[in-house]
């Protein structure tokens, strides 16, 4: 269940990025994939350091998943320039 929520957070972050900056290079699907990867990495790192249990729902995991998605999109935007 936690993984599905992290994926949903990544999709929401990627969709929001594409709606805020529609003219930027890159496609819709690659943006979503990068955001989901960032959310999964961030959520896993937060869960690893808090409880180590992927089955438990923790607010820190969701916050860091969102942060991971945003950071992944920012890094990708910087590397494309």
Protein backbone atom coordinates (compact mmCIF):
# COMPACT_ATOMS: atom_id res chain seq x y z
CA UNK A 1 0.00 0.00 0.00
CA UNK A 2 2.82 2.38 0.83
CA UNK A 3 4.49 1.86 -2.56
CA UNK A 4 1.23 2.69 -4.34
CA UNK A 5 0.95 5.93 -2.39
CA UNK A 6 4.56 6.85 -3.22
CA UNK A 7 3.82 6.22 -6.89
CA UNK A 8 0.71 8.39 -6.63
CA UNK A 9 2.77 11.16 -5.03
CA UNK A 10 5.29 10.93 -7.87
CA UNK A 11 2.58 11.03 -10.53
CA UNK A 12 0.97 14.04 -8.86
CA UNK A 13 4.31 15.88 -8.65
CA UNK A 14 5.13 15.12 -12.29
CA UNK A 15 1.69 16.16 -13.47
CA UNK A 16 1.88 19.38 -11.47
CA UNK A 17 5.30 20.17 -12.93
CA UNK A 18 4.01 19.68 -16.49
CA UNK A 19 0.99 21.89 -15.80
CA UNK A 20 3.13 24.67 -14.28
CA UNK A 21 5.79 24.59 -17.03
CA UNK A 22 4.09 23.32 -20.19
CA UNK A 23 6.58 24.71 -22.70
CA UNK A 24 9.66 23.08 -21.22
CA UNK A 25 11.48 20.36 -23.17
CA UNK A 26 10.85 16.73 -22.36
CA UNK A 27 7.68 14.77 -22.62
CA UNK A 28 4.80 14.12 -20.29
CA UNK A 29 5.61 10.45 -19.73
CA UNK A 30 9.34 10.93 -19.00
CA UNK A 31 8.44 13.64 -16.49
CA UNK A 32 6.02 11.30 -14.72
CA UNK A 33 8.55 8.46 -14.72
CA UNK A 34 11.30 10.65 -13.25
CA UNK A 35 8.97 11.94 -10.54
CA UNK A 36 7.84 8.42 -9.64
CA UNK A 37 11.46 7.22 -9.45
CA UNK A 38 12.32 10.16 -7.20
CA UNK A 39 9.32 9.49 -4.96
CA UNK A 40 10.18 5.81 -4.65
CA UNK A 41 13.81 6.55 -3.78
CA UNK A 42 12.86 9.27 -1.29
CA UNK A 43 10.15 7.19 0.36
CA UNK A 44 12.41 4.18 0.64
CA UNK A 45 15.22 6.22 2.20
CA UNK A 46 12.85 7.80 4.75
CA UNK A 47 11.35 4.45 5.66
CA UNK A 48 14.76 2.82 5.92
CA UNK A 49 15.97 5.41 8.41
CA UNK A 50 12.77 5.65 10.48
CA UNK A 51 11.41 2.11 10.91
CA UNK A 52 12.79 -0.10 8.16
CA UNK A 53 9.28 -1.43 7.46
CA UNK A 54 7.81 -0.80 4.00
CA UNK A 55 4.36 -2.02 5.06
CA UNK A 56 3.80 0.73 7.65
CA UNK A 57 2.43 4.14 6.71
CA UNK A 58 4.56 7.00 8.01
CA UNK A 59 4.13 10.74 7.34
CA UNK A 60 7.91 11.15 7.07
CA UNK A 61 7.93 8.67 4.20
CA UNK A 62 5.34 10.67 2.30
CA UNK A 63 7.09 13.98 2.91
CA UNK A 64 10.45 12.65 1.76
CA UNK A 65 8.79 10.92 -1.20
CA UNK A 66 7.45 14.29 -2.32
CA UNK A 67 10.84 15.88 -1.72
CA UNK A 68 12.53 13.11 -3.70
CA UNK A 69 10.17 13.59 -6.63
CA UNK A 70 10.76 17.34 -6.69
CA UNK A 71 14.53 16.93 -6.39
CA UNK A 72 14.60 14.37 -9.20
CA UNK A 73 12.68 16.77 -11.46
CA UNK A 74 14.97 19.66 -10.55
CA UNK A 75 18.10 17.64 -11.26
CA UNK A 76 16.68 16.47 -14.58
CA UNK A 77 15.81 20.04 -15.53
CA UNK A 78 19.33 21.23 -14.70
CA UNK A 79 20.97 18.42 -16.66
CA UNK A 80 18.88 19.16 -19.76
CA UNK A 81 20.14 22.74 -19.98
